[in-house]
Protein backbone atom coordinates (compact mmCIF):
# COMPACT_ATOMS: atom_id res chain seq x y z
CA MET A 1 1.38 -42.68 -45.17
CA ASP A 2 2.80 -44.24 -41.99
CA LEU A 3 -0.30 -44.48 -39.77
CA GLN A 4 1.72 -45.85 -36.85
CA LYS A 5 3.90 -42.72 -36.75
CA GLN A 6 0.88 -40.43 -37.18
CA THR A 7 -0.90 -41.84 -34.11
CA GLU A 8 2.20 -42.09 -31.92
CA PRO A 9 1.82 -39.78 -28.85
CA PRO A 10 4.30 -36.87 -28.60
CA ALA A 11 7.22 -37.24 -26.22
CA ALA A 12 6.90 -35.66 -22.78
CA VAL A 13 8.61 -32.30 -22.42
CA SER A 14 11.03 -33.73 -19.85
CA GLU A 15 12.24 -36.27 -22.40
CA LEU A 16 13.05 -33.74 -25.11
CA ARG A 17 16.67 -33.17 -25.99
CA ALA A 18 18.07 -30.04 -24.31
CA SER A 19 19.24 -27.18 -26.50
CA ASP A 20 21.96 -24.63 -25.83
CA ALA A 21 19.22 -22.10 -25.07
CA ASP A 22 17.77 -24.46 -22.43
CA ARG A 23 21.20 -24.80 -20.79
CA ASP A 24 21.70 -21.02 -20.83
CA ARG A 25 18.33 -20.50 -19.15
CA ILE A 26 19.18 -22.92 -16.33
CA ALA A 27 22.66 -21.40 -15.97
CA ASP A 28 21.11 -17.93 -15.57
CA ILE A 29 18.87 -19.22 -12.77
CA LEU A 30 21.86 -20.77 -11.00
CA ARG A 31 23.90 -17.58 -11.38
CA GLU A 32 21.07 -15.52 -9.87
CA ALA A 33 20.73 -18.01 -6.99
CA LEU A 34 24.44 -17.67 -6.28
CA ALA A 35 24.17 -13.86 -6.22
CA GLU A 36 21.20 -14.06 -3.82
CA GLY A 37 23.08 -16.42 -1.47
CA ARG A 38 20.77 -19.38 -2.09
CA LEU A 39 23.69 -21.49 -3.34
CA THR A 40 27.27 -21.70 -2.15
CA ALA A 41 30.09 -21.35 -4.67
CA GLU A 42 30.72 -25.10 -4.45
CA GLU A 43 27.05 -25.97 -5.04
CA HIS A 44 26.91 -23.57 -7.96
CA SER A 45 29.99 -25.11 -9.55
CA GLU A 46 28.67 -28.65 -9.17
CA ARG A 47 25.30 -27.79 -10.68
CA VAL A 48 26.83 -25.92 -13.62
CA GLU A 49 28.91 -28.99 -14.45
CA GLY A 50 25.76 -31.07 -14.35
CA VAL A 51 23.95 -28.61 -16.63
CA LEU A 52 26.72 -28.88 -19.22
CA ALA A 53 26.51 -32.66 -19.15
CA ALA A 54 22.69 -32.89 -19.20
CA LYS A 55 21.10 -34.26 -22.38
CA THR A 56 17.35 -33.78 -21.78
CA VAL A 57 15.13 -30.99 -20.47
CA GLY A 58 14.12 -33.18 -17.54
CA GLU A 59 17.74 -33.61 -16.48
CA LEU A 60 18.20 -29.82 -16.55
CA ASP A 61 15.14 -29.15 -14.39
CA VAL A 62 16.59 -31.25 -11.58
CA PHE A 63 19.30 -28.63 -10.94
CA VAL A 64 16.84 -25.77 -10.29
CA ARG A 65 13.87 -27.66 -8.84
CA ASP A 66 14.53 -26.27 -5.33
CA LEU A 67 15.02 -22.64 -6.48
CA PRO A 68 12.18 -20.06 -6.49
CA ALA A 69 13.15 -18.66 -9.90
CA ALA A 70 12.21 -21.98 -11.49
CA HIS A 71 8.64 -21.62 -10.18
CA PRO A 72 7.41 -18.15 -11.23
CA ARG A 73 4.45 -16.91 -9.24
CA GLN A 74 1.30 -16.08 -11.08
CA ALA A 75 0.54 -12.41 -10.72
CA SER A 76 -2.70 -11.79 -8.87
CA PRO A 77 -5.29 -10.00 -11.00
CA ARG A 78 -5.22 -6.24 -10.62
CA MET A 79 -8.42 -5.06 -8.98
CA PRO A 80 -9.89 -2.02 -10.72
CA ALA A 81 -10.16 1.22 -8.78
CA PRO A 82 -13.50 1.67 -6.96
CA ASN A 83 -16.09 3.89 -8.60
CA ARG A 84 -16.34 6.08 -5.51
CA PRO A 85 -13.64 7.41 -3.15
CA THR A 86 -13.04 5.81 0.22
CA PRO A 87 -15.41 7.21 2.87
CA GLY A 88 -13.63 9.87 4.91
CA ALA A 89 -10.73 10.20 2.47
CA ILE A 90 -11.99 13.42 0.87
CA PRO A 91 -12.64 16.60 2.92
CA ALA A 92 -15.96 18.44 2.66
CA ASP A 93 -14.30 21.77 1.81
CA PRO A 94 -12.31 22.19 -1.40
CA ASP A 95 -8.55 22.65 -1.42
CA ASP A 96 -8.81 24.63 -4.68
CA ASN A 97 -11.56 26.68 -6.32
CA LEU A 98 -11.40 27.56 -10.01
CA VAL A 99 -14.14 29.98 -11.10
CA ALA A 100 -14.70 31.33 -14.60
CA ILE A 101 -17.66 33.70 -15.12
CA PHE A 102 -17.48 35.28 -18.56
CA SER A 103 -13.75 34.56 -18.27
CA ALA A 104 -11.16 31.77 -18.19
CA SER A 105 -9.41 29.98 -15.33
CA VAL A 106 -6.41 27.72 -15.84
CA ARG A 107 -4.41 25.48 -13.51
CA LYS A 108 -1.52 23.62 -15.15
CA GLY A 109 2.20 22.96 -14.95
CA ARG A 110 3.96 21.70 -11.83
CA TRP A 111 1.46 22.18 -9.00
CA ARG A 112 0.31 20.23 -5.97
CA ALA A 113 -3.10 18.66 -6.44
CA GLY A 114 -5.30 18.70 -3.36
CA ARG A 115 -7.82 16.07 -2.40
CA ARG A 116 -10.83 18.13 -3.49
CA ILE A 117 -10.99 20.62 -6.37
CA HIS A 118 -14.06 22.63 -7.40
CA ALA A 119 -14.48 24.06 -10.89
CA TYR A 120 -17.27 26.47 -11.94
CA ALA A 121 -17.66 27.61 -15.54
CA VAL A 122 -20.51 30.06 -16.25
CA PHE A 123 -20.27 31.49 -19.76
CA GLY A 124 -16.56 30.82 -19.36
CA SER A 125 -13.91 28.06 -19.48
CA VAL A 126 -11.92 26.19 -16.85
CA GLU A 127 -8.86 24.13 -17.70
CA ILE A 128 -7.41 21.71 -15.13
CA ASP A 129 -4.24 20.04 -16.34
CA LEU A 130 -2.96 17.35 -13.97
CA SER A 131 -0.43 15.88 -16.41
CA GLU A 132 2.53 17.44 -14.54
CA ALA A 133 0.95 17.83 -11.11
CA LEU A 134 2.38 16.48 -7.87
CA PHE A 135 -0.01 14.05 -6.18
CA GLU A 136 0.34 14.09 -2.39
CA TYR A 137 -2.82 12.01 -2.02
CA GLN A 138 -3.89 8.87 -3.84
CA GLN A 139 -7.53 9.96 -4.21
CA VAL A 140 -8.52 13.26 -5.80
CA VAL A 141 -12.08 14.46 -6.39
CA ILE A 142 -12.92 17.16 -8.94
CA LYS A 143 -16.41 18.67 -8.67
CA ALA A 144 -17.23 20.39 -11.95
CA PHE A 145 -20.22 22.59 -12.82
CA SER A 146 -20.76 24.08 -16.26
CA VAL A 147 -23.54 26.47 -17.30
CA PHE A 148 -23.10 27.65 -20.89
CA GLY A 149 -19.41 27.02 -20.20
CA ASN A 150 -16.63 24.51 -20.67
CA VAL A 151 -14.55 22.46 -18.17
CA GLU A 152 -11.64 20.48 -19.57
CA ILE A 153 -9.60 18.12 -17.37
CA SER A 154 -6.37 16.46 -18.50
CA VAL A 155 -4.73 13.63 -16.53
CA PRO A 156 -1.57 11.51 -16.96
CA GLU A 157 -1.92 8.21 -18.78
CA ASN A 158 -0.81 6.09 -15.81
CA VAL A 159 -3.54 7.05 -13.31
CA SER A 160 -7.02 5.65 -12.73
CA LEU A 161 -9.91 7.89 -13.79
CA ARG A 162 -13.59 7.67 -12.89
CA GLY A 163 -16.55 9.87 -13.74
CA THR A 164 -20.05 10.36 -12.31
CA GLY A 165 -22.38 13.02 -13.63
CA GLY A 166 -24.53 14.10 -16.52
CA GLY A 167 -25.74 16.93 -18.67
CA VAL A 168 -28.95 18.85 -19.35
CA LEU A 169 -28.77 19.75 -23.03
CA GLY A 170 -25.04 19.56 -22.42
CA ASN A 171 -22.14 17.11 -22.51
CA PHE A 172 -20.46 15.14 -19.69
CA GLU A 173 -17.73 12.82 -20.91
CA VAL A 174 -15.04 11.10 -18.81
CA ASP A 175 -12.68 8.46 -20.19
CA THR A 176 -12.39 5.54 -17.77
CA LEU A 177 -8.79 4.56 -16.98
CA ASP A 178 -7.35 1.74 -14.87
CA SER A 179 -3.71 2.03 -13.88
CA PRO A 180 -1.69 -1.20 -13.54
CA ASP A 181 0.06 0.35 -10.51
CA PRO A 182 -1.94 -0.17 -7.27
CA ASP A 183 -0.30 2.94 -5.79
CA ALA A 184 -1.27 5.21 -8.69
CA PRO A 185 -3.57 8.18 -8.01
CA VAL A 186 -7.28 7.74 -8.61
CA ILE A 187 -9.09 10.81 -9.94
CA TYR A 188 -12.86 11.08 -9.55
CA VAL A 189 -14.72 13.62 -11.67
CA ASP A 190 -18.23 14.48 -10.48
CA GLY A 191 -20.21 17.10 -12.33
CA TRP A 192 -23.20 18.50 -14.14
CA SER A 193 -23.36 20.40 -17.37
CA VAL A 194 -26.27 22.64 -18.36
CA LEU A 195 -25.99 23.69 -22.00
CA GLY A 196 -22.26 23.34 -21.51
CA ASN A 197 -19.43 20.82 -21.65
CA ILE A 198 -17.37 18.79 -19.13
CA GLU A 199 -14.62 16.50 -20.39
CA ALA A 200 -11.85 14.51 -18.68
CA ARG A 201 -9.32 12.44 -20.58
CA PRO A 202 -5.65 11.36 -20.53
CA LYS A 203 -2.96 13.54 -22.07
CA ARG A 204 -0.96 11.45 -24.50
CA GLY A 205 2.62 10.81 -23.46
CA LYS A 206 2.25 12.25 -19.95
CA LEU A 207 2.95 10.05 -16.91
CA VAL A 208 2.97 10.67 -13.18
CA ALA A 209 6.63 11.34 -12.44
CA ASP A 210 6.26 10.27 -8.81
CA ILE A 211 5.40 6.71 -9.85
CA LEU A 212 8.36 6.53 -12.22
CA ASP A 213 10.71 7.93 -9.54
CA ARG A 214 9.55 5.27 -7.11
CA VAL A 215 10.18 2.49 -9.63
CA HIS A 216 13.65 3.89 -10.40
CA ARG A 217 14.52 3.97 -6.70
CA LYS A 218 13.51 0.31 -6.33
CA VAL A 219 15.68 -0.66 -9.31
CA ASP A 220 18.64 1.33 -7.94
CA ARG A 221 18.37 -0.36 -4.54
CA SER A 222 18.22 -3.79 -6.18
CA MET A 223 21.29 -3.08 -8.31
CA ARG A 224 23.28 -1.75 -5.35
CA LYS A 225 22.37 -4.82 -3.34
CA HIS A 226 23.83 -7.15 -5.98
CA LEU A 227 26.92 -5.03 -6.55
CA ASP A 228 27.72 -5.01 -2.83
CA ARG A 229 27.84 -8.80 -2.69
């Protein structure tokens, strides 16, 4: 065994021979810089020629060292949604009341969710389905009370969900969710169950359409901006 080769330190990344994939990556950065107006056509042409002639990774990096795309920013950690709504954000009076006494009450489909929703199930069942709802406010509070009854709450998968409550010989179960989108709605479920059941959980495959529409609009604006150049 060649001990000298085994103990020889590895070459620095900048000294490694450049591959075609490395050249393509640098060329993509230069092409984007040209489209954004960071480079003139002459500068772009000169740098592309240098990229084609470069032999090492270090020589390639020189051509994009002054461009932002070569220095990706580290995304700041996403702060989880607070466990309680912002003081003053939720009104004292409910926007919606759903009452089921020896009966059933259902709210689902395309409807506008208010900031405060009350649900009462006494020997009955209440179903609140927010999977297709329109959220005009970022914070929504659902106050749920169940006495020998059942309250079921369904939410989209891309919202934040918090729960505070309990049960007396009953069940109170809320799945905690944290959306990666800082603008996503936050739904707070507060409640008590007496010999009853309160549950809140995401509905598989359902997303807040408003968030997706906003992302699509941003993409469309970005594409139009580049096409107009």
